[in-house]
Amino acid sequence: MLPDDGRVVSNLIVQALKGQDITIYGDGSQTRSFCYVDDLIEGFVRLMNHPDQTGPVNIGNPGEFTMLELADLILKKVGGPLKLTFHPLPSDDPLQRKPDIGLAKQDLDWEPTIELSEGLDRTIDYLRPNLSVTS
């Protein structure tokens, strides 16, 4: 993961680690589902090793979190006197993203095991030294 890859998790963590205010678009009530890379890779490997499975299979995490919940959790983990700043919601920003992983559970015996909190800890630990930030 690159610190400037433009994804919401890395963006918010980088802002927090740099001591910048956290950017929230809209009112922060839009939801996303976050799946840690280790879980995604395990799902992909199971799918590739299941030759009878054809067609699309959602590999992701169905746990939903609002952008405000994500930002609050990151702020608690990184610490510091940071605050949220609100900006207009882009017109193409979906209000909800939540995969249906029923087929992956049924056919691949797969579901994610790494909770958001643990994934954030791992991501913060990875990004902190790459930003040369000490906290």
C-alpha atoms as a PDB file:
ATOM      1  CA  MET A   1       0.000   0.000   0.000  1.00  0.00           C
ATOM      2  CA  LEU A   2       1.348   3.372  -0.955  1.00  0.00           C
ATOM      3  CA  PRO A   3       0.780   6.280   1.436  1.00  0.00           C
ATOM      4  CA  ASP A   4      -0.602   8.384  -1.417  1.00  0.00           C
ATOM      5  CA  ASP A   5      -2.655   5.751  -3.236  1.00  0.00           C
ATOM      6  CA  GLY A   6      -5.855   7.780  -2.868  1.00  0.00           C
ATOM      7  CA  ARG A   7      -7.805   5.191  -0.878  1.00  0.00           C
ATOM      8  CA  VAL A   8      -9.785   6.283   2.122  1.00  0.00           C
ATOM      9  CA  VAL A   9      -7.995   4.142   4.725  1.00  0.00           C
ATOM     10  CA  SER A  10      -4.487   5.192   3.692  1.00  0.00           C
ATOM     11  CA  ASN A  11      -5.585   8.816   3.195  1.00  0.00           C
ATOM     12  CA  LEU A  12      -7.029   9.107   6.692  1.00  0.00           C
ATOM     13  CA  ILE A  13      -4.145   7.269   8.360  1.00  0.00           C
ATOM     14  CA  VAL A  14      -1.550   9.413   6.564  1.00  0.00           C
ATOM     15  CA  GLN A  15      -3.395  12.598   7.529  1.00  0.00           C
ATOM     16  CA  ALA A  16      -3.512  11.477  11.166  1.00  0.00           C
ATOM     17  CA  LEU A  17       0.143  10.410  11.245  1.00  0.00           C
ATOM     18  CA  LYS A  18       1.190  13.741   9.748  1.00  0.00           C
ATOM     19  CA  GLY A  19      -0.854  15.628  12.349  1.00  0.00           C
ATOM     20  CA  GLN A  20      -3.260  16.978   9.729  1.00  0.00           C
ATOM     21  CA  ASP A  21      -6.981  17.363  10.163  1.00  0.00           C
ATOM     22  CA  ILE A  22      -8.976  14.367   8.929  1.00  0.00           C
ATOM     23  CA  THR A  23     -10.973  14.991   5.744  1.00  0.00           C
ATOM     24  CA  ILE A  24     -14.554  13.743   5.715  1.00  0.00           C
ATOM     25  CA  TYR A  25     -16.699  14.104   2.621  1.00  0.00           C
ATOM     26  CA  GLY A  26     -20.388  14.802   3.094  1.00  0.00           C
ATOM     27  CA  ASP A  27     -21.694  14.204   6.598  1.00  0.00           C
ATOM     28  CA  GLY A  28     -19.669  10.995   6.999  1.00  0.00           C
ATOM     29  CA  SER A  29     -22.709   8.740   7.102  1.00  0.00           C
ATOM     30  CA  GLN A  30     -21.854   6.903   3.880  1.00  0.00           C
ATOM     31  CA  THR A  31     -20.692   3.351   4.562  1.00  0.00           C
ATOM     32  CA  ARG A  32     -17.871   1.191   3.308  1.00  0.00           C
ATOM     33  CA  SER A  33     -16.773  -2.355   3.966  1.00  0.00           C
ATOM     34  CA  PHE A  34     -13.060  -2.893   4.521  1.00  0.00           C
ATOM     35  CA  CYS A  35     -11.263  -6.154   3.901  1.00  0.00           C
ATOM     36  CA  TYR A  36      -7.645  -6.581   4.944  1.00  0.00           C
ATOM     37  CA  VAL A  37      -5.286  -7.681   2.164  1.00  0.00           C
ATOM     38  CA  ASP A  38      -4.373 -10.997   3.837  1.00  0.00           C
ATOM     39  CA  ASP A  39      -8.042 -11.997   3.814  1.00  0.00           C
ATOM     40  CA  LEU A  40      -8.435 -10.904   0.184  1.00  0.00           C
ATOM     41  CA  ILE A  41      -5.437 -12.953  -0.928  1.00  0.00           C
ATOM     42  CA  GLU A  42      -6.732 -16.024   0.913  1.00  0.00           C
ATOM     43  CA  GLY A  43     -10.078 -15.595  -0.848  1.00  0.00           C
ATOM     44  CA  PHE A  44      -8.415 -15.224  -4.255  1.00  0.00           C
ATOM     45  CA  VAL A  45      -6.256 -18.313  -3.696  1.00  0.00           C
ATOM     46  CA  ARG A  46      -9.291 -20.375  -2.717  1.00  0.00           C
ATOM     47  CA  LEU A  47     -11.152 -19.136  -5.786  1.00  0.00           C
ATOM     48  CA  MET A  48      -8.230 -19.941  -8.106  1.00  0.00           C
ATOM     49  CA  ASN A  49      -7.945 -23.425  -6.575  1.00  0.00           C
ATOM     50  CA  HIS A  50     -11.646 -24.130  -7.042  1.00  0.00           C
ATOM     51  CA  PRO A  51     -11.851 -25.025 -10.758  1.00  0.00           C
ATOM     52  CA  ASP A  52     -15.570 -25.810 -10.626  1.00  0.00           C
ATOM     53  CA  GLN A  53     -16.429 -22.258  -9.554  1.00  0.00           C
ATOM     54  CA  THR A  54     -17.425 -20.152 -12.535  1.00  0.00           C
ATOM     55  CA  GLY A  55     -18.863 -16.696 -12.679  1.00  0.00           C
ATOM     56  CA  PRO A  56     -18.381 -13.800 -10.309  1.00  0.00           C
ATOM     57  CA  VAL A  57     -17.733 -14.374  -6.605  1.00  0.00           C
ATOM     58  CA  ASN A  58     -17.577 -11.442  -4.202  1.00  0.00           C
ATOM     59  CA  ILE A  59     -14.462 -11.507  -2.044  1.00  0.00           C
ATOM     60  CA  GLY A  60     -14.658  -8.794   0.605  1.00  0.00           C
ATOM     61  CA  ASN A  61     -15.842  -8.003   4.082  1.00  0.00           C
ATOM     62  CA  PRO A  62     -19.564  -7.422   4.625  1.00  0.00           C
ATOM     63  CA  GLY A  63     -18.998  -5.483   7.869  1.00  0.00           C
ATOM     64  CA  GLU A  64     -20.128  -1.900   7.281  1.00  0.00           C
ATOM     65  CA  PHE A  65     -18.674   1.213   8.877  1.00  0.00           C
ATOM     66  CA  THR A  66     -19.522   4.853   8.321  1.00  0.00           C
ATOM     67  CA  MET A  67     -16.751   7.203   7.328  1.00  0.00           C
ATOM     68  CA  LEU A  68     -17.177   8.896  10.707  1.00  0.00           C
ATOM     69  CA  GLU A  69     -16.682   5.567  12.506  1.00  0.00           C
ATOM     70  CA  LEU A  70     -13.560   4.899  10.450  1.00  0.00           C
ATOM     71  CA  ALA A  71     -12.122   8.360  11.128  1.00  0.00           C
ATOM     72  CA  ASP A  72     -12.898   8.129  14.838  1.00  0.00           C
ATOM     73  CA  LEU A  73     -11.203   4.733  15.123  1.00  0.00           C
ATOM     74  CA  ILE A  74      -8.108   5.986  13.289  1.00  0.00           C
ATOM     75  CA  LEU A  75      -7.939   9.098  15.491  1.00  0.00           C
ATOM     76  CA  LYS A  76      -8.115   6.927  18.619  1.00  0.00           C
ATOM     77  CA  LYS A  77      -5.360   4.648  17.347  1.00  0.00           C
ATOM     78  CA  VAL A  78      -2.996   7.385  16.156  1.00  0.00           C
ATOM     79  CA  GLY A  79      -3.764   9.889  18.906  1.00  0.00           C
ATOM     80  CA  GLY A  80      -3.003  13.562  18.937  1.00  0.00           C
ATOM     81  CA  PRO A  81      -5.118  16.705  18.909  1.00  0.00           C
ATOM     82  CA  LEU A  82      -6.618  16.158  15.484  1.00  0.00           C
ATOM     83  CA  LYS A  83     -10.022  17.205  14.290  1.00  0.00           C
ATOM     84  CA  LEU A  84     -12.368  16.386  11.453  1.00  0.00           C
ATOM     85  CA  THR A  85     -12.947  18.761   8.553  1.00  0.00           C
ATOM     86  CA  PHE A  86     -15.995  18.336   6.372  1.00  0.00           C
ATOM     87  CA  HIS A  87     -16.055  18.880   2.611  1.00  0.00           C
ATOM     88  CA  PRO A  88     -18.841  18.507   0.035  1.00  0.00           C
ATOM     89  CA  LEU A  89     -19.641  14.938  -0.951  1.00  0.00           C
ATOM     90  CA  PRO A  90     -18.619  14.267  -4.575  1.00  0.00           C
ATOM     91  CA  SER A  91     -21.643  13.586  -6.761  1.00  0.00           C
ATOM     92  CA  ASP A  92     -20.331  10.153  -7.779  1.00  0.00           C
ATOM     93  CA  ASP A  93     -19.582   8.958  -4.231  1.00  0.00           C
ATOM     94  CA  PRO A  94     -21.832   5.987  -3.388  1.00  0.00           C
ATOM     95  CA  LEU A  95     -23.660   6.096  -0.065  1.00  0.00           C
ATOM     96  CA  GLN A  96     -23.142   2.397   0.631  1.00  0.00           C
ATOM     97  CA  ARG A  97     -20.756  -0.381  -0.330  1.00  0.00           C
ATOM     98  CA  LYS A  98     -21.284  -3.825   1.122  1.00  0.00           C
ATOM     99  CA  PRO A  99     -20.412  -7.077  -0.653  1.00  0.00           C
ATOM    100  CA  ASP A 100     -22.589 -10.166  -0.500  1.00  0.00           C
ATOM    101  CA  ILE A 101     -20.075 -12.945   0.217  1.00  0.00           C
ATOM    102  CA  GLY A 102     -22.642 -15.740   0.452  1.00  0.00           C
ATOM    103  CA  LEU A 103     -21.231 -17.596  -2.545  1.00  0.00           C
ATOM    104  CA  ALA A 104     -17.647 -17.364  -1.211  1.00  0.00           C
ATOM    105  CA  LYS A 105     -18.778 -18.740   2.136  1.00  0.00           C
ATOM    106  CA  GLN A 106     -20.796 -21.538   0.555  1.00  0.00           C
ATOM    107  CA  ASP A 107     -18.525 -22.647  -2.292  1.00  0.00           C
ATOM    108  CA  LEU A 108     -15.054 -21.646  -1.078  1.00  0.00           C
ATOM    109  CA  ASP A 109     -15.557 -22.016   2.661  1.00  0.00           C
ATOM    110  CA  TRP A 110     -14.094 -18.516   2.927  1.00  0.00           C
ATOM    111  CA  GLU A 111     -14.902 -15.417   4.910  1.00  0.00           C
ATOM    112  CA  PRO A 112     -12.690 -12.656   6.268  1.00  0.00           C
ATOM    113  CA  THR A 113     -11.080 -13.152   9.672  1.00  0.00           C
ATOM    114  CA  ILE A 114      -9.238  -9.876  10.286  1.00  0.00           C
ATOM    115  CA  GLU A 115     -11.414  -7.238  11.951  1.00  0.00           C
ATOM    116  CA  LEU A 116     -11.183  -3.576  10.949  1.00  0.00           C
ATOM    117  CA  SER A 117      -9.447  -2.590  14.185  1.00  0.00           C
ATOM    118  CA  GLU A 118      -6.662  -5.152  13.707  1.00  0.00           C
ATOM    119  CA  GLY A 119      -6.280  -4.260  10.036  1.00  0.00           C
ATOM    120  CA  LEU A 120      -5.943  -0.585  10.959  1.00  0.00           C
ATOM    121  CA  ASP A 121      -3.293  -1.423  13.569  1.00  0.00           C
ATOM    122  CA  ARG A 122      -1.301  -3.338  10.949  1.00  0.00           C
ATOM    123  CA  THR A 123      -1.709  -0.579   8.366  1.00  0.00           C
ATOM    124  CA  ILE A 124      -0.701   2.167  10.798  1.00  0.00           C
ATOM    125  CA  ASP A 125       2.351   0.120  11.824  1.00  0.00           C
ATOM    126  CA  TYR A 126       3.257  -0.265   8.144  1.00  0.00           C
ATOM    127  CA  LEU A 127       2.709   3.367   7.146  1.00  0.00           C
ATOM    128  CA  ARG A 128       4.265   5.066  10.187  1.00  0.00           C
ATOM    129  CA  PRO A 129       7.930   4.239   9.371  1.00  0.00           C
ATOM    130  CA  ASN A 130       7.347   4.791   5.654  1.00  0.00           C
ATOM    131  CA  LEU A 131       6.327   8.369   6.431  1.00  0.00           C
ATOM    132  CA  SER A 132       9.261   8.911   8.802  1.00  0.00           C
ATOM    133  CA  VAL A 133       6.750   9.893  11.481  1.00  0.00           C
ATOM    134  CA  THR A 134       7.324   9.075  15.115  1.00  0.00           C
ATOM    135  CA  SER A 135       4.410   8.940  17.506  1.00  0.00           C
END
